[in-house]
């Protein structure tokens, strides 16, 4: 995406938000608006669909920030050690239980599982204020056929939106290694930034608050169409400051 295209996106986004002030006032009175209040508000219930290395690390960060978290897997009894170490804010359950539990649901699974998640839980996920898409399509793991299909949809983000119709999706934490989540949280000086992409303003606000609470700086890089850049191996992969992320995005083609 060229620099002038990104600038055009910013202008369109600003004008759209300015024109929607009446709608935003209406949103402020809705139940979902409370979830998007500035950091320091009421704790959320967060369901983790997938509790491997990345999901476990991210869920742990949410617990440490004071949120209730349900970690899930097909074998929730295997998560006992994780939740016991984290204390009363953490619990374990099935995927179905985690989806039902969460005000917010984070999906951190191999991308091959995303289609089935949509079939099984799509209706429930569409009712959530925020679905964090932390999953990446990786050809060597998920297969060339799936990777090609994701590319044909316009990349991860737009592909997830097709698999989870109606969900308020924000892609986040896709391009930072799970080991860095604890190492870089609340780093002295300028915070490590997390690029995020989404089309829903309320969902982006909730995601931004959560990212700040666990010690990072959120940077909105665009809509879900920008999700194709939030994968390892792209210029946005790894650790960057907010200024560096904005510069990278301005130079993307």
Foldseek 3Di string as FASTA:
>chain_A
DALVVLVVQVVVVVVVVVVCPVVVVVVCPDPLVQLLDAAPGDAWEEFEADCPLQSVLLQLLSLVLPHQYEYEDPCQVVCVVSQVVSPDSYHYDHNVVSLVGGLEYEYEDAVLCLLVCQVVCLVSQLPHLEYEDQYAHDCVPNNPVVVVVQVVLLHQLSVSCVSRPNHFYKYKPAQEDSVVLVVQAQNPDFGWEIEMAADDPSRVSSVQNSQVSSHHGYDHLYHSSCVRQSHYPHPPHYTDGNVVVNVSSNHDD
